[in-house]
Amino acid sequence: MHLSNGVEIILSAISANFLAQVYKFVVHYLVHKQFNFKRLFQTGGMPSSHSSFMMAMTTSVGLLSGFNSVAFAIALTVTLVVMYDAAGLRRAVGRQASVLNQIVAEIFSEHPHLSSQKFKELLGHTPVEVFIGALLGSAVAVWIHWL
């Protein structure tokens, strides 16, 4: 079965993202012995689904257009920005959220009704999570391309 170039790129990206999220869901179940369907949609954790999505798209573009094409150069540049953001900025924001949650818990410990909302802490990724996500994305793109 031959897919059009655009369909192959989109299918690779979505499949890589899906596999990364399902992996997180399964690992959570194996570790905690409970289903947490939120893990299918949450950011953060191993592997980075953002990285797998973007690298699958980039690898597909390279396989279809050539790894020295302008399209690949643009795709790779955008992918590197997303991966840097996942491991840098979003990770820092997650750490700040953790500290703010601790401060709020201490300040309002005597008056819990004043502040019950917590900031989301699991936002970014470690460099290893980003790297594994990128490997997953590349592997999925190659696999779909050779089907």
N, C-alpha and C. Protein backbone atom coordinates (compact mmCIF):
# COMPACT_ATOMS: atom_id res chain seq x y z
N MET A 1 0.85 -1.18 0.00
CA MET A 1 0.00 0.00 0.00
C MET A 1 0.89 1.23 0.00
N HIS A 2 0.65 2.14 -0.91
CA HIS A 2 1.44 3.35 -1.00
C HIS A 2 0.60 4.53 -0.49
N LEU A 3 1.15 5.24 0.46
CA LEU A 3 0.48 6.42 1.00
C LEU A 3 1.01 7.66 0.28
N SER A 4 0.17 8.68 0.15
CA SER A 4 0.68 9.94 -0.38
C SER A 4 1.66 10.52 0.63
N ASN A 5 2.55 11.37 0.17
CA ASN A 5 3.58 11.92 1.04
C ASN A 5 3.00 12.59 2.28
N GLY A 6 2.00 13.43 2.08
CA GLY A 6 1.40 14.14 3.21
C GLY A 6 0.77 13.19 4.22
N VAL A 7 0.09 12.19 3.74
CA VAL A 7 -0.55 11.21 4.63
C VAL A 7 0.51 10.44 5.41
N GLU A 8 1.59 10.06 4.74
CA GLU A 8 2.65 9.32 5.42
C GLU A 8 3.27 10.16 6.55
N ILE A 9 3.50 11.43 6.29
CA ILE A 9 4.10 12.31 7.30
C ILE A 9 3.16 12.45 8.49
N ILE A 10 1.90 12.71 8.23
CA ILE A 10 0.93 12.89 9.32
C ILE A 10 0.72 11.58 10.07
N LEU A 11 0.61 10.47 9.37
CA LEU A 11 0.43 9.17 10.02
C LEU A 11 1.62 8.84 10.91
N SER A 12 2.82 9.12 10.43
CA SER A 12 4.02 8.86 11.23
C SER A 12 4.01 9.68 12.52
N ALA A 13 3.73 10.95 12.40
CA ALA A 13 3.73 11.84 13.57
C ALA A 13 2.68 11.44 14.59
N ILE A 14 1.47 11.21 14.12
CA ILE A 14 0.37 10.84 15.03
C ILE A 14 0.63 9.47 15.66
N SER A 15 1.14 8.54 14.89
CA SER A 15 1.43 7.19 15.42
C SER A 15 2.51 7.25 16.49
N ALA A 16 3.56 8.03 16.26
CA ALA A 16 4.64 8.16 17.24
C ALA A 16 4.13 8.79 18.53
N ASN A 17 3.32 9.83 18.40
CA ASN A 17 2.74 10.48 19.57
C ASN A 17 1.85 9.50 20.34
N PHE A 18 1.02 8.77 19.62
CA PHE A 18 0.12 7.79 20.23
C PHE A 18 0.91 6.72 20.99
N LEU A 19 1.95 6.18 20.36
CA LEU A 19 2.76 5.14 21.01
C LEU A 19 3.44 5.66 22.27
N ALA A 20 3.93 6.88 22.23
CA ALA A 20 4.58 7.46 23.42
C ALA A 20 3.58 7.61 24.56
N GLN A 21 2.38 8.07 24.25
CA GLN A 21 1.37 8.26 25.30
C GLN A 21 0.87 6.91 25.84
N VAL A 22 0.68 5.94 24.97
CA VAL A 22 0.25 4.62 25.42
C VAL A 22 1.32 3.98 26.29
N TYR A 23 2.58 4.16 25.93
CA TYR A 23 3.67 3.64 26.75
C TYR A 23 3.60 4.21 28.17
N LYS A 24 3.38 5.52 28.29
CA LYS A 24 3.27 6.15 29.62
C LYS A 24 2.09 5.57 30.40
N PHE A 25 0.99 5.35 29.71
CA PHE A 25 -0.21 4.79 30.34
C PHE A 25 0.07 3.38 30.87
N VAL A 26 0.70 2.55 30.04
CA VAL A 26 0.99 1.16 30.42
C VAL A 26 1.99 1.13 31.59
N VAL A 27 3.03 1.93 31.52
CA VAL A 27 4.02 1.96 32.61
C VAL A 27 3.37 2.41 33.90
N HIS A 28 2.50 3.41 33.83
CA HIS A 28 1.81 3.86 35.04
C HIS A 28 0.98 2.72 35.64
N TYR A 29 0.30 1.98 34.77
CA TYR A 29 -0.48 0.85 35.26
C TYR A 29 0.41 -0.21 35.91
N LEU A 30 1.51 -0.55 35.27
CA LEU A 30 2.41 -1.58 35.81
C LEU A 30 3.02 -1.16 37.14
N VAL A 31 3.34 0.11 37.30
CA VAL A 31 3.97 0.59 38.53
C VAL A 31 2.95 0.77 39.65
N HIS A 32 1.78 1.35 39.33
CA HIS A 32 0.80 1.71 40.36
C HIS A 32 -0.38 0.76 40.45
N LYS A 33 -0.47 -0.19 39.54
CA LYS A 33 -1.58 -1.16 39.50
C LYS A 33 -2.95 -0.49 39.45
N GLN A 34 -3.01 0.62 38.74
CA GLN A 34 -4.29 1.30 38.54
C GLN A 34 -4.27 2.01 37.19
N PHE A 35 -5.42 2.07 36.55
CA PHE A 35 -5.53 2.75 35.28
C PHE A 35 -5.65 4.24 35.54
N ASN A 36 -4.85 5.02 34.84
CA ASN A 36 -4.93 6.48 34.91
C ASN A 36 -5.04 6.98 33.48
N PHE A 37 -6.28 7.14 33.02
CA PHE A 37 -6.50 7.52 31.64
C PHE A 37 -6.01 8.94 31.34
N LYS A 38 -5.78 9.74 32.36
CA LYS A 38 -5.20 11.07 32.16
C LYS A 38 -3.80 10.98 31.56
N ARG A 39 -3.09 9.89 31.85
CA ARG A 39 -1.73 9.72 31.33
C ARG A 39 -1.72 9.66 29.80
N LEU A 40 -2.86 9.34 29.20
CA LEU A 40 -2.93 9.31 27.74
C LEU A 40 -2.88 10.72 27.14
N PHE A 41 -3.14 11.74 27.97
CA PHE A 41 -3.22 13.11 27.46
C PHE A 41 -2.30 14.09 28.18
N GLN A 42 -1.65 13.66 29.25
CA GLN A 42 -0.80 14.56 30.02
C GLN A 42 0.56 14.76 29.35
N THR A 43 1.14 15.93 29.62
CA THR A 43 2.49 16.20 29.15
C THR A 43 3.49 15.71 30.18
N GLY A 44 4.73 15.62 29.78
CA GLY A 44 5.79 15.20 30.69
C GLY A 44 5.93 13.69 30.74
N GLY A 45 7.05 13.24 31.27
CA GLY A 45 7.29 11.81 31.44
C GLY A 45 8.07 11.20 30.29
N MET A 46 8.36 9.91 30.46
CA MET A 46 9.17 9.15 29.50
C MET A 46 8.28 8.33 28.59
N PRO A 47 8.44 8.39 27.30
CA PRO A 47 9.27 9.29 26.52
C PRO A 47 8.51 10.57 26.19
N SER A 48 9.20 11.57 25.70
CA SER A 48 8.55 12.82 25.30
C SER A 48 7.72 12.57 24.05
N SER A 49 6.41 12.75 24.19
CA SER A 49 5.54 12.57 23.02
C SER A 49 5.68 13.73 22.05
N HIS A 50 6.02 14.92 22.57
CA HIS A 50 6.27 16.05 21.67
C HIS A 50 7.48 15.75 20.78
N SER A 51 8.52 15.22 21.39
CA SER A 51 9.72 14.90 20.62
C SER A 51 9.46 13.77 19.63
N SER A 52 8.71 12.77 20.06
CA SER A 52 8.43 11.65 19.15
C SER A 52 7.58 12.12 17.97
N PHE A 53 6.60 12.96 18.24
CA PHE A 53 5.73 13.51 17.19
C PHE A 53 6.56 14.30 16.18
N MET A 54 7.37 15.24 16.70
CA MET A 54 8.13 16.12 15.83
C MET A 54 9.22 15.37 15.06
N MET A 55 9.92 14.46 15.74
CA MET A 55 11.00 13.75 15.05
C MET A 55 10.44 12.77 14.02
N ALA A 56 9.27 12.20 14.27
CA ALA A 56 8.63 11.35 13.26
C ALA A 56 8.29 12.18 12.02
N MET A 57 7.76 13.37 12.24
CA MET A 57 7.45 14.26 11.11
C MET A 57 8.72 14.61 10.36
N THR A 58 9.77 14.97 11.08
CA THR A 58 11.03 15.37 10.46
C THR A 58 11.67 14.21 9.70
N THR A 59 11.68 13.04 10.30
CA THR A 59 12.27 11.87 9.64
C THR A 59 11.49 11.52 8.38
N SER A 60 10.16 11.61 8.46
CA SER A 60 9.33 11.33 7.27
C SER A 60 9.63 12.32 6.16
N VAL A 61 9.76 13.58 6.51
CA VAL A 61 10.09 14.60 5.49
C VAL A 61 11.44 14.27 4.86
N GLY A 62 12.41 13.89 5.68
CA GLY A 62 13.72 13.53 5.15
C GLY A 62 13.67 12.31 4.24
N LEU A 63 12.93 11.31 4.64
CA LEU A 63 12.82 10.09 3.83
C LEU A 63 12.13 10.36 2.49
N LEU A 64 11.17 11.26 2.50
CA LEU A 64 10.39 11.52 1.29
C LEU A 64 10.99 12.61 0.41
N SER A 65 11.56 13.65 1.03
CA SER A 65 12.07 14.79 0.26
C SER A 65 13.58 14.80 0.13
N GLY A 66 14.24 13.98 0.94
CA GLY A 66 15.69 13.98 0.94
C GLY A 66 16.21 14.71 2.17
N PHE A 67 17.28 14.19 2.73
CA PHE A 67 17.83 14.77 3.96
C PHE A 67 18.66 16.02 3.69
N ASN A 68 18.79 16.41 2.42
CA ASN A 68 19.47 17.67 2.11
C ASN A 68 18.51 18.67 1.48
N SER A 69 17.20 18.42 1.63
CA SER A 69 16.18 19.31 1.05
C SER A 69 15.88 20.48 1.99
N VAL A 70 15.31 21.51 1.42
CA VAL A 70 14.88 22.67 2.20
C VAL A 70 13.77 22.26 3.16
N ALA A 71 12.86 21.41 2.72
CA ALA A 71 11.76 20.96 3.58
C ALA A 71 12.30 20.26 4.83
N PHE A 72 13.31 19.41 4.65
CA PHE A 72 13.89 18.72 5.80
C PHE A 72 14.58 19.71 6.73
N ALA A 73 15.30 20.67 6.17
CA ALA A 73 15.99 21.67 7.00
C ALA A 73 14.99 22.45 7.85
N ILE A 74 13.89 22.83 7.27
CA ILE A 74 12.85 23.57 8.01
C ILE A 74 12.25 22.67 9.09
N ALA A 75 11.90 21.44 8.73
CA ALA A 75 11.31 20.51 9.69
C ALA A 75 12.26 20.26 10.86
N LEU A 76 13.54 20.03 10.56
CA LEU A 76 14.52 19.77 11.62
C LEU A 76 14.69 20.98 12.53
N THR A 77 14.73 22.16 11.96
CA THR A 77 14.88 23.37 12.76
C THR A 77 13.72 23.54 13.73
N VAL A 78 12.50 23.37 13.24
CA VAL A 78 11.33 23.50 14.11
C VAL A 78 11.34 22.39 15.17
N THR A 79 11.71 21.18 14.79
CA THR A 79 11.78 20.06 15.74
C THR A 79 12.78 20.34 16.85
N LEU A 80 13.94 20.85 16.50
CA LEU A 80 14.95 21.15 17.52
C LEU A 80 14.48 22.23 18.49
N VAL A 81 13.73 23.21 18.00
CA VAL A 81 13.17 24.24 18.88
C VAL A 81 12.16 23.61 19.86
N VAL A 82 11.29 22.76 19.35
CA VAL A 82 10.30 22.10 20.20
C VAL A 82 10.99 21.22 21.25
N MET A 83 12.00 20.47 20.83
CA MET A 83 12.70 19.59 21.76
C MET A 83 13.47 20.40 22.81
N TYR A 84 14.08 21.49 22.42
CA TYR A 84 14.78 22.36 23.36
C TYR A 84 13.79 22.93 24.37
N ASP A 85 12.65 23.36 23.87
CA ASP A 85 11.60 23.90 24.73
C ASP A 85 11.10 22.86 25.73
N ALA A 86 10.92 21.62 25.28
CA ALA A 86 10.42 20.55 26.15
C ALA A 86 11.39 20.27 27.29
N ALA A 87 12.69 20.28 26.99
CA ALA A 87 13.69 19.96 28.01
C ALA A 87 14.16 21.19 28.77
N GLY A 88 13.92 22.36 28.24
CA GLY A 88 14.42 23.58 28.86
C GLY A 88 13.32 24.37 29.55
N LEU A 89 12.65 25.17 28.78
CA LEU A 89 11.65 26.10 29.32
C LEU A 89 10.51 25.41 30.05
N ARG A 90 9.90 24.41 29.41
CA ARG A 90 8.75 23.75 30.06
C ARG A 90 9.17 22.99 31.30
N ARG A 91 10.37 22.45 31.31
CA ARG A 91 10.88 21.76 32.50
C ARG A 91 11.09 22.75 33.64
N ALA A 92 11.63 23.92 33.32
CA ALA A 92 11.84 24.96 34.33
C ALA A 92 10.51 25.43 34.90
N VAL A 93 9.52 25.58 34.05
CA VAL A 93 8.19 25.99 34.52
C VAL A 93 7.60 24.93 35.44
N GLY A 94 7.81 23.66 35.12
CA GLY A 94 7.33 22.58 35.99
C GLY A 94 7.99 22.61 37.35
N ARG A 95 9.29 22.90 37.39
CA ARG A 95 10.00 23.02 38.67
C ARG A 95 9.48 24.20 39.47
N GLN A 96 9.24 25.32 38.79
CA GLN A 96 8.70 26.49 39.48
C GLN A 96 7.31 26.20 40.04
N ALA A 97 6.50 25.48 39.30
CA ALA A 97 5.17 25.11 39.78
C ALA A 97 5.27 24.27 41.04
N SER A 98 6.23 23.36 41.08
CA SER A 98 6.42 22.52 42.26
C SER A 98 6.75 23.37 43.49
N VAL A 99 7.67 24.32 43.33
CA VAL A 99 8.05 25.20 44.44
C VAL A 99 6.86 26.05 44.86
N LEU A 100 6.13 26.60 43.90
CA LEU A 100 4.96 27.42 44.24
C LEU A 100 3.89 26.60 44.96
N ASN A 101 3.69 25.37 44.55
CA ASN A 101 2.72 24.51 45.24
C ASN A 101 3.13 24.27 46.69
N GLN A 102 4.42 24.09 46.94
CA GLN A 102 4.90 23.91 48.31
C GLN A 102 4.70 25.17 49.13
N ILE A 103 4.99 26.31 48.55
CA ILE A 103 4.81 27.59 49.25
C ILE A 103 3.35 27.81 49.60
N VAL A 104 2.47 27.60 48.62
CA VAL A 104 1.03 27.79 48.85
C VAL A 104 0.53 26.82 49.91
N ALA A 105 1.00 25.58 49.88
CA ALA A 105 0.57 24.59 50.88
C ALA A 105 0.99 25.02 52.28
N GLU A 106 2.18 25.55 52.41
CA GLU A 106 2.65 25.99 53.73
C GLU A 106 1.92 27.23 54.21
N ILE A 107 1.73 28.19 53.33
CA ILE A 107 1.08 29.45 53.71
C ILE A 107 -0.38 29.22 54.08
N PHE A 108 -1.06 28.39 53.31
CA PHE A 108 -2.49 28.20 53.52
C PHE A 108 -2.82 26.90 54.24
N SER A 109 -1.86 26.31 54.93
CA SER A 109 -2.11 25.03 55.62
C SER A 109 -3.19 25.16 56.69
N GLU A 110 -3.30 26.31 57.30
CA GLU A 110 -4.33 26.51 58.33
C GLU A 110 -5.67 26.92 57.72
N HIS A 111 -5.67 27.32 56.47
CA HIS A 111 -6.90 27.75 55.80
C HIS A 111 -7.00 27.11 54.41
N PRO A 112 -7.21 25.80 54.34
CA PRO A 112 -7.20 25.10 53.05
C PRO A 112 -8.29 25.56 52.09
N HIS A 113 -9.35 26.15 52.62
CA HIS A 113 -10.44 26.59 51.75
C HIS A 113 -10.05 27.83 50.93
N LEU A 114 -8.99 28.51 51.31
CA LEU A 114 -8.57 29.71 50.60
C LEU A 114 -7.86 29.39 49.28
N SER A 115 -7.15 28.29 49.24
CA SER A 115 -6.43 27.96 48.02
C SER A 115 -6.30 26.44 47.88
N SER A 116 -7.16 25.86 47.07
CA SER A 116 -7.10 24.41 46.87
C SER A 116 -6.56 24.06 45.48
N GLN A 117 -6.39 25.06 44.65
CA GLN A 117 -5.92 24.79 43.29
C GLN A 117 -4.39 24.70 43.25
N LYS A 118 -3.90 23.65 42.59
CA LYS A 118 -2.46 23.46 42.46
C LYS A 118 -2.04 23.73 41.02
N PHE A 119 -0.79 24.17 40.87
CA PHE A 119 -0.22 24.35 39.54
C PHE A 119 0.23 23.00 39.00
N LYS A 120 0.12 22.83 37.70
CA LYS A 120 0.54 21.60 37.05
C LYS A 120 2.07 21.52 37.06
N GLU A 121 2.60 20.43 37.63
CA GLU A 121 4.05 20.30 37.80
C GLU A 121 4.72 19.48 36.71
N LEU A 122 4.04 18.53 36.13
CA LEU A 122 4.65 17.63 35.16
C LEU A 122 4.47 18.22 33.75
N LEU A 123 5.32 19.17 33.41
CA LEU A 123 5.18 19.86 32.14
C LEU A 123 6.27 19.50 31.14
N GLY A 124 7.50 19.47 31.61
CA GLY A 124 8.63 19.29 30.71
C GLY A 124 9.26 17.92 30.81
N HIS A 125 10.44 17.82 30.23
CA HIS A 125 11.13 16.54 30.14
C HIS A 125 12.60 16.69 30.49
N THR A 126 13.19 15.59 30.91
CA THR A 126 14.64 15.53 31.05
C THR A 126 15.22 15.37 29.64
N PRO A 127 16.49 15.69 29.47
CA PRO A 127 17.10 15.46 28.15
C PRO A 127 17.00 14.01 27.69
N VAL A 128 17.08 13.06 28.61
CA VAL A 128 16.96 11.64 28.23
C VAL A 128 15.56 11.34 27.70
N GLU A 129 14.53 11.88 28.35
CA GLU A 129 13.15 11.67 27.88
C GLU A 129 12.96 12.24 26.48
N VAL A 130 13.56 13.40 26.23
CA VAL A 130 13.49 14.02 24.90
C VAL A 130 14.22 13.17 23.87
N PHE A 131 15.41 12.69 24.23
CA PHE A 131 16.20 11.86 23.32
C PHE A 131 15.48 10.56 22.98
N ILE A 132 14.92 9.89 23.97
CA ILE A 132 14.20 8.62 23.73
C ILE A 132 12.96 8.89 22.89
N GLY A 133 12.28 9.99 23.15
CA GLY A 133 11.13 10.36 22.32
C GLY A 133 11.54 10.57 20.87
N ALA A 134 12.68 11.22 20.66
CA ALA A 134 13.18 11.44 19.30
C ALA A 134 13.52 10.12 18.62
N LEU A 135 14.15 9.21 19.35
CA LEU A 135 14.46 7.88 18.78
C LEU A 135 13.18 7.14 18.40
N LEU A 136 12.19 7.18 19.29
CA LEU A 136 10.91 6.52 19.01
C LEU A 136 10.28 7.11 17.75
N GLY A 137 10.26 8.43 17.66
CA GLY A 137 9.67 9.08 16.49
C GLY A 137 10.37 8.69 15.20
N SER A 138 11.70 8.67 15.23
CA SER A 138 12.45 8.29 14.03
C SER A 138 12.16 6.84 13.64
N ALA A 139 12.13 5.96 14.62
CA ALA A 139 11.86 4.55 14.35
C ALA A 139 10.48 4.35 13.76
N VAL A 140 9.49 5.04 14.31
CA VAL A 140 8.11 4.91 13.78
C VAL A 140 8.05 5.41 12.34
N ALA A 141 8.70 6.53 12.06
CA ALA A 141 8.68 7.08 10.70
C ALA A 141 9.34 6.13 9.70
N VAL A 142 10.46 5.55 10.08
CA VAL A 142 11.14 4.60 9.19
C VAL A 142 10.27 3.37 8.98
N TRP A 143 9.67 2.87 10.05
CA TRP A 143 8.81 1.69 9.95
C TRP A 143 7.62 1.95 9.03
N ILE A 144 6.96 3.08 9.21
CA ILE A 144 5.79 3.40 8.37
C ILE A 144 6.24 3.61 6.92
N HIS A 145 7.38 4.24 6.73
CA HIS A 145 7.88 4.48 5.35
C HIS A 145 8.14 3.17 4.61
N TRP A 146 8.68 2.18 5.33
CA TRP A 146 9.04 0.93 4.67
C TRP A 146 7.90 -0.09 4.62
N LEU A 147 6.75 0.25 5.15
CA LEU A 147 5.59 -0.67 5.07
C LEU A 147 5.09 -0.80 3.65
